[in-house]
Amino acid sequence: MFRRNKPADDAAMPEDMVVIVDQSVNPYLVLFHEPAGYRAEQVRALRNRLVAMNPDGEPKTLVVTSAVREEGKTVAALNLAMALAELERNQVVLVDGDLRRPSCERYLNLNPAPGLTDVLLGRAPLDRVLRPAGYRQLMLLGSGARVTNPAEVLGGSRLDELLHRLKERFQYVIVDSPPVLPSTDAGVLSARADGTLVVVRLEKSLKKQTRDAIRAVQDMGGNVLGCFVTELRGHDPESDRRLAYEPSSEGEGS
């Protein structure tokens, strides 16, 4: 199991290939657009912390969520999945578990296709709905057909079976879930995962909402590993050139 960090109060690949046009992929997917940039390195730092929390190298499931919408959870989940897929011999799958407002396919500029709900409802086999995400060893399980009862679909026993099958095939299973406070879906998913990461948008997220979200996940039996804070002011090369570290020209020192 992942080791739990007590949160602070403040806080095998198919042969088919997918070609993605750079301009059509969400610009905030920094691992795709700026893999050598500062922001991509911050995502890798998060990845390295999570890998260090898993010293035995066991396959893990990780839910990425937030207290409310528009905090950047989907972008964080996609970037983290891409960062994990960079590691040698790491097979990674991203699951769009947000059945209310799915967006992973749109962010990757992929057409909607059968996915999670179709597997959970017995309409399609898992192998048929898994597809390349267009980035290294990363696979995608989209949200699938829209349903009117997301919490009921996620609460069934088929979800446990599906996550078990994914862990048999992939080293890391990253699940993008709905935000915690507007629905119970994130708590249901977190209770079945090895760990949960809460995304916090600085100066946008309210402390009370973040605390309530963490408490709600824990009350459902979820293992909150910590928070990932986005939009830190002054922490990028555009505002502080000391943070830039591009390849040097010949003869230039560090």
C-alpha atoms as a PDB file:
ATOM      1  CA  MET A   1       0.000   0.000   0.000  1.00  0.00           C
ATOM      2  CA  PHE A   2       0.999   3.625  -0.389  1.00  0.00           C
ATOM      3  CA  ARG A   3       2.101   5.173   2.875  1.00  0.00           C
ATOM      4  CA  ARG A   4      -0.313   7.817   4.085  1.00  0.00           C
ATOM      5  CA  ASN A   5       0.813  11.417   4.600  1.00  0.00           C
ATOM      6  CA  LYS A   6      -1.384  13.187   7.112  1.00  0.00           C
ATOM      7  CA  PRO A   7      -2.629  16.337   5.296  1.00  0.00           C
ATOM      8  CA  ALA A   8      -1.939  19.758   6.752  1.00  0.00           C
ATOM      9  CA  ASP A   9      -4.905  21.883   7.647  1.00  0.00           C
ATOM     10  CA  ASP A  10      -3.919  24.293   4.846  1.00  0.00           C
ATOM     11  CA  ALA A  11      -3.797  22.327   2.718  1.00  0.00           C
ATOM     12  CA  ALA A  12       2.041  -4.629 -23.419  1.00  0.00           C
ATOM     13  CA  MET A  13       1.323  -2.004 -25.926  1.00  0.00           C
ATOM     14  CA  PRO A  14      -0.845  -2.574 -29.013  1.00  0.00           C
ATOM     15  CA  GLU A  15       0.750  -2.125 -32.396  1.00  0.00           C
ATOM     16  CA  ASP A  16      -1.841   0.501 -33.388  1.00  0.00           C
ATOM     17  CA  MET A  17      -0.410   4.001 -33.394  1.00  0.00           C
ATOM     18  CA  VAL A  18      -2.231   7.247 -32.623  1.00  0.00           C
ATOM     19  CA  VAL A  19      -1.078  10.482 -34.257  1.00  0.00           C
ATOM     20  CA  ILE A  20      -2.053  13.635 -32.344  1.00  0.00           C
ATOM     21  CA  VAL A  21      -1.736  17.139 -33.748  1.00  0.00           C
ATOM     22  CA  ASP A  22       0.144  19.260 -31.203  1.00  0.00           C
ATOM     23  CA  GLN A  23      -2.087  22.310 -31.525  1.00  0.00           C
ATOM     24  CA  SER A  24      -5.211  20.277 -30.795  1.00  0.00           C
ATOM     25  CA  VAL A  25      -4.040  18.831 -27.486  1.00  0.00           C
ATOM     26  CA  ASN A  26      -4.900  20.864 -24.385  1.00  0.00           C
ATOM     27  CA  PRO A  27      -2.098  23.453 -23.948  1.00  0.00           C
ATOM     28  CA  TYR A  28      -1.829  22.770 -20.209  1.00  0.00           C
ATOM     29  CA  LEU A  29      -0.565  19.231 -20.830  1.00  0.00           C
ATOM     30  CA  VAL A  30       3.016  20.348 -20.305  1.00  0.00           C
ATOM     31  CA  LEU A  31       4.486  16.843 -20.523  1.00  0.00           C
ATOM     32  CA  PHE A  32       3.237  16.769 -24.114  1.00  0.00           C
ATOM     33  CA  HIS A  33       3.992  20.335 -25.234  1.00  0.00           C
ATOM     34  CA  GLU A  34       7.009  21.333 -23.102  1.00  0.00           C
ATOM     35  CA  PRO A  35       8.614  18.112 -21.835  1.00  0.00           C
ATOM     36  CA  ALA A  36      11.871  19.900 -20.955  1.00  0.00           C
ATOM     37  CA  GLY A  37      10.169  22.877 -19.305  1.00  0.00           C
ATOM     38  CA  TYR A  38       9.994  23.944 -15.673  1.00  0.00           C
ATOM     39  CA  ARG A  39       6.343  22.989 -15.203  1.00  0.00           C
ATOM     40  CA  ALA A  40       6.956  19.507 -16.593  1.00  0.00           C
ATOM     41  CA  GLU A  41       9.750  19.098 -14.054  1.00  0.00           C
ATOM     42  CA  GLN A  42       7.342  19.964 -11.246  1.00  0.00           C
ATOM     43  CA  VAL A  43       5.029  17.177 -12.382  1.00  0.00           C
ATOM     44  CA  ARG A  44       8.000  14.800 -12.483  1.00  0.00           C
ATOM     45  CA  ALA A  45       8.857  15.849  -8.937  1.00  0.00           C
ATOM     46  CA  LEU A  46       5.351  14.809  -7.872  1.00  0.00           C
ATOM     47  CA  ARG A  47       5.764  11.539  -9.787  1.00  0.00           C
ATOM     48  CA  ASN A  48       9.067  10.848  -8.043  1.00  0.00           C
ATOM     49  CA  ARG A  49       7.508  11.448  -4.625  1.00  0.00           C
ATOM     50  CA  LEU A  50       4.718   8.992  -5.398  1.00  0.00           C
ATOM     51  CA  VAL A  51       7.162   6.392  -6.714  1.00  0.00           C
ATOM     52  CA  ALA A  52       9.255   6.815  -3.546  1.00  0.00           C
ATOM     53  CA  MET A  53       6.123   6.110  -1.495  1.00  0.00           C
ATOM     54  CA  ASN A  54       5.876   2.783  -3.301  1.00  0.00           C
ATOM     55  CA  PRO A  55       9.313   1.240  -2.598  1.00  0.00           C
ATOM     56  CA  ASP A  56       8.148  -2.309  -3.351  1.00  0.00           C
ATOM     57  CA  GLY A  57       7.095  -1.318  -6.872  1.00  0.00           C
ATOM     58  CA  GLU A  58       3.658  -2.863  -6.517  1.00  0.00           C
ATOM     59  CA  PRO A  59       0.968  -1.952  -9.092  1.00  0.00           C
ATOM     60  CA  LYS A  60      -1.058   0.931  -7.679  1.00  0.00           C
ATOM     61  CA  THR A  61      -4.326   2.736  -8.290  1.00  0.00           C
ATOM     62  CA  LEU A  62      -4.385   6.490  -7.680  1.00  0.00           C
ATOM     63  CA  VAL A  63      -7.446   8.749  -7.753  1.00  0.00           C
ATOM     64  CA  VAL A  64      -6.910  12.422  -8.646  1.00  0.00           C
ATOM     65  CA  THR A  65      -9.651  14.749  -7.445  1.00  0.00           C
ATOM     66  CA  SER A  66     -10.349  18.219  -6.027  1.00  0.00           C
ATOM     67  CA  ALA A  67     -12.803  19.843  -3.664  1.00  0.00           C
ATOM     68  CA  VAL A  68     -14.799  21.636  -6.374  1.00  0.00           C
ATOM     69  CA  ARG A  69     -14.619  22.055 -10.141  1.00  0.00           C
ATOM     70  CA  GLU A  70     -12.103  24.174 -12.069  1.00  0.00           C
ATOM     71  CA  GLU A  71      -9.148  23.422  -9.799  1.00  0.00           C
ATOM     72  CA  GLY A  72      -7.166  21.563 -12.460  1.00  0.00           C
ATOM     73  CA  LYS A  73      -7.695  17.931 -11.459  1.00  0.00           C
ATOM     74  CA  THR A  74      -7.994  16.566 -15.009  1.00  0.00           C
ATOM     75  CA  VAL A  75      -4.900  18.407 -16.228  1.00  0.00           C
ATOM     76  CA  ALA A  76      -3.016  17.153 -13.161  1.00  0.00           C
ATOM     77  CA  ALA A  77      -4.188  13.563 -13.736  1.00  0.00           C
ATOM     78  CA  LEU A  78      -3.167  13.634 -17.409  1.00  0.00           C
ATOM     79  CA  ASN A  79       0.231  15.210 -16.751  1.00  0.00           C
ATOM     80  CA  LEU A  80       0.938  12.792 -13.901  1.00  0.00           C
ATOM     81  CA  ALA A  81      -0.035   9.796 -16.029  1.00  0.00           C
ATOM     82  CA  MET A  82       2.285  11.014 -18.793  1.00  0.00           C
ATOM     83  CA  ALA A  83       5.128  11.490 -16.315  1.00  0.00           C
ATOM     84  CA  LEU A  84       4.686   7.971 -14.941  1.00  0.00           C
ATOM     85  CA  ALA A  85       4.603   6.586 -18.489  1.00  0.00           C
ATOM     86  CA  GLU A  86       8.085   8.036 -19.067  1.00  0.00           C
ATOM     87  CA  LEU A  87       9.622   5.587 -16.610  1.00  0.00           C
ATOM     88  CA  GLU A  88      11.212   2.503 -18.091  1.00  0.00           C
ATOM     89  CA  ARG A  89       8.960  -0.567 -18.184  1.00  0.00           C
ATOM     90  CA  ASN A  90       6.073   1.421 -16.710  1.00  0.00           C
ATOM     91  CA  GLN A  91       2.764   0.530 -18.306  1.00  0.00           C
ATOM     92  CA  VAL A  92       0.246   3.203 -17.279  1.00  0.00           C
ATOM     93  CA  VAL A  93      -3.477   3.609 -17.878  1.00  0.00           C
ATOM     94  CA  LEU A  94      -5.541   6.727 -17.334  1.00  0.00           C
ATOM     95  CA  VAL A  95      -9.180   6.081 -16.470  1.00  0.00           C
ATOM     96  CA  ASP A  96     -11.721   8.864 -16.957  1.00  0.00           C
ATOM     97  CA  GLY A  97     -13.856   8.217 -13.896  1.00  0.00           C
ATOM     98  CA  ASP A  98     -15.690  11.530 -14.158  1.00  0.00           C
ATOM     99  CA  LEU A  99     -18.949  10.226 -15.570  1.00  0.00           C
ATOM    100  CA  ARG A 100     -20.713  13.557 -15.036  1.00  0.00           C
ATOM    101  CA  ARG A 101     -18.345  15.885 -16.928  1.00  0.00           C
ATOM    102  CA  PRO A 102     -15.819  13.671 -18.768  1.00  0.00           C
ATOM    103  CA  SER A 103     -13.008  15.531 -20.507  1.00  0.00           C
ATOM    104  CA  CYS A 104      -9.923  13.317 -20.893  1.00  0.00           C
ATOM    105  CA  GLU A 105     -10.699  12.401 -24.503  1.00  0.00           C
ATOM    106  CA  ARG A 106     -11.341  16.032 -25.374  1.00  0.00           C
ATOM    107  CA  TYR A 107      -8.104  17.192 -23.743  1.00  0.00           C
ATOM    108  CA  LEU A 108      -6.199  14.584 -25.798  1.00  0.00           C
ATOM    109  CA  ASN A 109      -8.125  15.442 -28.986  1.00  0.00           C
ATOM    110  CA  LEU A 110      -9.526  11.917 -29.238  1.00  0.00           C
ATOM    111  CA  ASN A 111     -13.017  11.068 -30.419  1.00  0.00           C
ATOM    112  CA  PRO A 112     -15.440   9.730 -27.783  1.00  0.00           C
ATOM    113  CA  ALA A 113     -15.537   5.936 -27.741  1.00  0.00           C
ATOM    114  CA  PRO A 114     -16.866   3.119 -25.550  1.00  0.00           C
ATOM    115  CA  GLY A 115     -15.146   3.076 -22.195  1.00  0.00           C
ATOM    116  CA  LEU A 116     -15.612   2.744 -18.445  1.00  0.00           C
ATOM    117  CA  THR A 117     -19.400   2.663 -18.244  1.00  0.00           C
ATOM    118  CA  ASP A 118     -19.609   0.164 -21.096  1.00  0.00           C
ATOM    119  CA  VAL A 119     -17.302  -2.213 -19.205  1.00  0.00           C
ATOM    120  CA  LEU A 120     -19.081  -1.737 -15.874  1.00  0.00           C
ATOM    121  CA  LEU A 121     -22.482  -2.346 -17.466  1.00  0.00           C
ATOM    122  CA  GLY A 122     -21.258  -5.423 -19.351  1.00  0.00           C
ATOM    123  CA  ARG A 123     -21.693  -3.872 -22.780  1.00  0.00           C
ATOM    124  CA  ALA A 124     -18.060  -4.190 -23.924  1.00  0.00           C
ATOM    125  CA  PRO A 125     -14.953  -6.165 -22.883  1.00  0.00           C
ATOM    126  CA  LEU A 126     -12.031  -4.282 -21.372  1.00  0.00           C
ATOM    127  CA  ASP A 127      -9.555  -5.147 -24.125  1.00  0.00           C
ATOM    128  CA  ARG A 128     -11.837  -3.617 -26.739  1.00  0.00           C
ATOM    129  CA  VAL A 129     -12.163  -0.216 -25.063  1.00  0.00           C
ATOM    130  CA  LEU A 130      -8.567   0.354 -23.972  1.00  0.00           C
ATOM    131  CA  ARG A 131      -6.702   2.482 -26.521  1.00  0.00           C
ATOM    132  CA  PRO A 132      -3.393   4.358 -26.879  1.00  0.00           C
ATOM    133  CA  ALA A 133      -3.483   7.902 -25.534  1.00  0.00           C
ATOM    134  CA  GLY A 134      -0.852   9.101 -27.993  1.00  0.00           C
ATOM    135  CA  TYR A 135       1.976   9.420 -25.457  1.00  0.00           C
ATOM    136  CA  ARG A 136       4.624   6.740 -24.911  1.00  0.00           C
ATOM    137  CA  GLN A 137       3.356   3.835 -22.820  1.00  0.00           C
ATOM    138  CA  LEU A 138       0.139   5.541 -21.747  1.00  0.00           C
ATOM    139  CA  MET A 139      -3.227   3.918 -22.425  1.00  0.00           C
ATOM    140  CA  LEU A 140      -6.656   5.476 -21.991  1.00  0.00           C
ATOM    141  CA  LEU A 141      -9.929   4.099 -20.709  1.00  0.00           C
ATOM    142  CA  GLY A 142     -12.449   6.831 -21.517  1.00  0.00           C
ATOM    143  CA  SER A 143     -15.633   7.457 -19.606  1.00  0.00           C
ATOM    144  CA  GLY A 144     -17.805   5.633 -22.151  1.00  0.00           C
ATOM    145  CA  ALA A 145     -21.514   6.074 -22.768  1.00  0.00           C
ATOM    146  CA  ARG A 146     -23.263   8.684 -20.636  1.00  0.00           C
ATOM    147  CA  VAL A 147     -25.400   7.334 -17.805  1.00  0.00           C
ATOM    148  CA  THR A 148     -28.066   8.946 -15.641  1.00  0.00           C
ATOM    149  CA  ASN A 149     -26.922   7.252 -12.423  1.00  0.00           C
ATOM    150  CA  PRO A 150     -23.099   7.618 -12.175  1.00  0.00           C
ATOM    151  CA  ALA A 151     -22.904   6.918  -8.433  1.00  0.00           C
ATOM    152  CA  GLU A 152     -24.882   3.693  -8.823  1.00  0.00           C
ATOM    153  CA  VAL A 153     -22.756   2.533 -11.760  1.00  0.00           C
ATOM    154  CA  LEU A 154     -19.512   3.231  -9.870  1.00  0.00           C
ATOM    155  CA  GLY A 155     -20.828   1.674  -6.670  1.00  0.00           C
ATOM    156  CA  GLY A 156     -21.335  -1.784  -8.134  1.00  0.00           C
ATOM    157  CA  SER A 157     -19.058  -4.769  -7.583  1.00  0.00           C
ATOM    158  CA  ARG A 158     -17.858  -4.652 -11.192  1.00  0.00           C
ATOM    159  CA  LEU A 159     -15.644  -1.659 -10.358  1.00  0.00           C
ATOM    160  CA  ASP A 160     -13.567  -3.696  -7.885  1.00  0.00           C
ATOM    161  CA  GLU A 161     -13.132  -6.410 -10.489  1.00  0.00           C
ATOM    162  CA  LEU A 162     -12.143  -3.881 -13.156  1.00  0.00           C
ATOM    163  CA  LEU A 163      -9.532  -2.163 -10.976  1.00  0.00           C
ATOM    164  CA  HIS A 164      -8.088  -5.562 -10.069  1.00  0.00           C
ATOM    165  CA  ARG A 165      -7.770  -6.473 -13.750  1.00  0.00           C
ATOM    166  CA  LEU A 166      -6.137  -3.146 -14.566  1.00  0.00           C
ATOM    167  CA  LYS A 167      -3.579  -3.630 -11.768  1.00  0.00           C
ATOM    168  CA  GLU A 168      -2.708  -7.028 -13.212  1.00  0.00           C
ATOM    169  CA  ARG A 169      -1.857  -5.365 -16.529  1.00  0.00           C
ATOM    170  CA  PHE A 170      -0.544  -1.905 -15.592  1.00  0.00           C
ATOM    171  CA  GLN A 171       1.994  -0.612 -13.093  1.00  0.00           C
ATOM    172  CA  TYR A 172      -0.041   2.511 -12.366  1.00  0.00           C
ATOM    173  CA  VAL A 173      -3.766   3.144 -12.792  1.00  0.00           C
ATOM    174  CA  ILE A 174      -4.561   6.872 -12.634  1.00  0.00           C
ATOM    175  CA  VAL A 175      -8.253   7.714 -12.195  1.00  0.00           C
ATOM    176  CA  ASP A 176      -9.590  11.190 -12.935  1.00  0.00           C
ATOM    177  CA  SER A 177     -12.625  11.532 -10.680  1.00  0.00           C
ATOM    178  CA  PRO A 178     -15.299  14.203 -10.196  1.00  0.00           C
ATOM    179  CA  PRO A 179     -14.698  16.791  -7.462  1.00  0.00           C
ATOM    180  CA  VAL A 180     -15.508  15.596  -3.959  1.00  0.00           C
ATOM    181  CA  LEU A 181     -18.040  18.088  -2.606  1.00  0.00           C
ATOM    182  CA  PRO A 182     -20.642  18.184  -5.425  1.00  0.00           C
ATOM    183  CA  SER A 183     -21.072  14.391  -5.592  1.00  0.00           C
ATOM    184  CA  THR A 184     -20.238  11.128  -3.844  1.00  0.00           C
ATOM    185  CA  ASP A 185     -18.415   9.630  -6.853  1.00  0.00           C
ATOM    186  CA  ALA A 186     -14.919  10.665  -5.761  1.00  0.00           C
ATOM    187  CA  GLY A 187     -15.399   9.072  -2.339  1.00  0.00           C
ATOM    188  CA  VAL A 188     -16.618   5.829  -3.922  1.00  0.00           C
ATOM    189  CA  LEU A 189     -13.600   5.709  -6.244  1.00  0.00           C
ATOM    190  CA  SER A 190     -11.138   6.701  -3.504  1.00  0.00           C
ATOM    191  CA  ALA A 191     -12.375   3.943  -1.196  1.00  0.00           C
ATOM    192  CA  ARG A 192     -11.402   1.389  -3.848  1.00  0.00           C
ATOM    193  CA  ALA A 193      -8.016   2.916  -4.743  1.00  0.00           C
ATOM    194  CA  ASP A 194      -4.626   2.665  -3.070  1.00  0.00           C
ATOM    195  CA  GLY A 195      -4.297   6.420  -2.743  1.00  0.00           C
ATOM    196  CA  THR A 196      -5.948   9.754  -3.477  1.00  0.00           C
ATOM    197  CA  LEU A 197      -4.323  13.017  -4.541  1.00  0.00           C
ATOM    198  CA  VAL A 198      -6.261  16.251  -3.949  1.00  0.00           C
ATOM    199  CA  VAL A 199      -5.549  19.105  -6.370  1.00  0.00           C
ATOM    200  CA  VAL A 200      -5.711  22.603  -4.875  1.00  0.00           C
ATOM    201  CA  ARG A 201      -5.733  25.748  -7.027  1.00  0.00           C
ATOM    202  CA  LEU A 202      -3.915  28.464  -5.122  1.00  0.00           C
ATOM    203  CA  GLU A 203      -5.955  31.616  -4.407  1.00  0.00           C
ATOM    204  CA  LYS A 204      -9.027  29.961  -5.946  1.00  0.00           C
ATOM    205  CA  SER A 205      -9.642  27.063  -3.586  1.00  0.00           C
ATOM    206  CA  LEU A 206     -11.155  27.791  -0.193  1.00  0.00           C
ATOM    207  CA  LYS A 207      -9.371  26.260   2.804  1.00  0.00           C
ATOM    208  CA  LYS A 208     -12.613  25.034   4.322  1.00  0.00           C
ATOM    209  CA  GLN A 209     -13.648  23.345   1.087  1.00  0.00           C
ATOM    210  CA  THR A 210     -10.281  21.615   0.819  1.00  0.00           C
ATOM    211  CA  ARG A 211     -10.458  20.448   4.439  1.00  0.00           C
ATOM    212  CA  ASP A 212     -14.032  19.226   3.967  1.00  0.00           C
ATOM    213  CA  ALA A 213     -13.036  17.356   0.803  1.00  0.00           C
ATOM    214  CA  ILE A 214     -10.112  15.610   2.498  1.00  0.00           C
ATOM    215  CA  ARG A 215     -12.294  14.677   5.461  1.00  0.00           C
ATOM    216  CA  ALA A 216     -15.030  13.344   3.163  1.00  0.00           C
ATOM    217  CA  VAL A 217     -12.576  11.121   1.287  1.00  0.00           C
ATOM    218  CA  GLN A 218     -11.119   9.819   4.541  1.00  0.00           C
ATOM    219  CA  ASP A 219     -14.571   9.175   5.992  1.00  0.00           C
ATOM    220  CA  MET A 220     -15.272   6.953   2.963  1.00  0.00           C
ATOM    221  CA  GLY A 221     -12.102   4.972   3.660  1.00  0.00           C
ATOM    222  CA  GLY A 222      -9.879   6.733   1.136  1.00  0.00           C
ATOM    223  CA  ASN A 223      -6.127   7.083   1.691  1.00  0.00           C
ATOM    224  CA  VAL A 224      -5.284  10.758   1.085  1.00  0.00           C
ATOM    225  CA  LEU A 225      -1.619  10.922   0.124  1.00  0.00           C
ATOM    226  CA  GLY A 226      -1.472  14.712   0.027  1.00  0.00           C
ATOM    227  CA  CYS A 227      -2.293  17.787  -2.026  1.00  0.00           C
ATOM    228  CA  PHE A 228      -0.898  19.051  -5.315  1.00  0.00           C
ATOM    229  CA  VAL A 229      -1.005  22.861  -5.409  1.00  0.00           C
ATOM    230  CA  THR A 230      -1.275  24.603  -8.770  1.00  0.00           C
ATOM    231  CA  GLU A 231      -0.762  28.210  -9.929  1.00  0.00           C
ATOM    232  CA  LEU A 232       1.947  29.166  -7.447  1.00  0.00           C
ATOM    233  CA  ARG A 233       2.812  32.789  -8.184  1.00  0.00           C
ATOM    234  CA  GLY A 234       6.457  33.575  -8.826  1.00  0.00           C
ATOM    235  CA  HIS A 235       7.418  29.916  -9.102  1.00  0.00           C
ATOM    236  CA  ASP A 236       8.173  29.787 -12.814  1.00  0.00           C
ATOM    237  CA  PRO A 237      10.949  30.956 -15.184  1.00  0.00           C
ATOM    238  CA  GLU A 238       8.769  33.775 -16.550  1.00  0.00           C
ATOM    239  CA  SER A 239       8.863  35.580 -13.199  1.00  0.00           C
ATOM    240  CA  ASP A 240      12.240  34.323 -11.931  1.00  0.00           C
ATOM    241  CA  ARG A 241      14.896  33.521 -14.530  1.00  0.00           C
ATOM    242  CA  ARG A 242      16.954  31.645 -11.938  1.00  0.00           C
ATOM    243  CA  LEU A 243      14.427  28.833 -12.301  1.00  0.00           C
ATOM    244  CA  ALA A 244      15.210  28.455 -16.018  1.00  0.00           C
ATOM    245  CA  TYR A 245      17.826  25.851 -16.933  1.00  0.00           C
ATOM    246  CA  GLU A 246      17.860  25.394 -20.695  1.00  0.00           C
ATOM    247  CA  PRO A 247      20.709  23.503 -22.400  1.00  0.00           C
ATOM    248  CA  SER A 248      23.769  25.778 -22.539  1.00  0.00           C
ATOM    249  CA  SER A 249      25.697  26.805 -25.608  1.00  0.00           C
ATOM    250  CA  GLU A 250      29.288  25.602 -25.989  1.00  0.00           C
ATOM    251  CA  GLY A 251      31.558  27.171 -23.422  1.00  0.00           C
ATOM    252  CA  GLU A 252      28.734  28.560 -21.279  1.00  0.00           C
ATOM    253  CA  GLY A 253      28.924  27.768 -17.572  1.00  0.00           C
ATOM    254  CA  SER A 254      26.116  26.837 -15.179  1.00  0.00           C
END
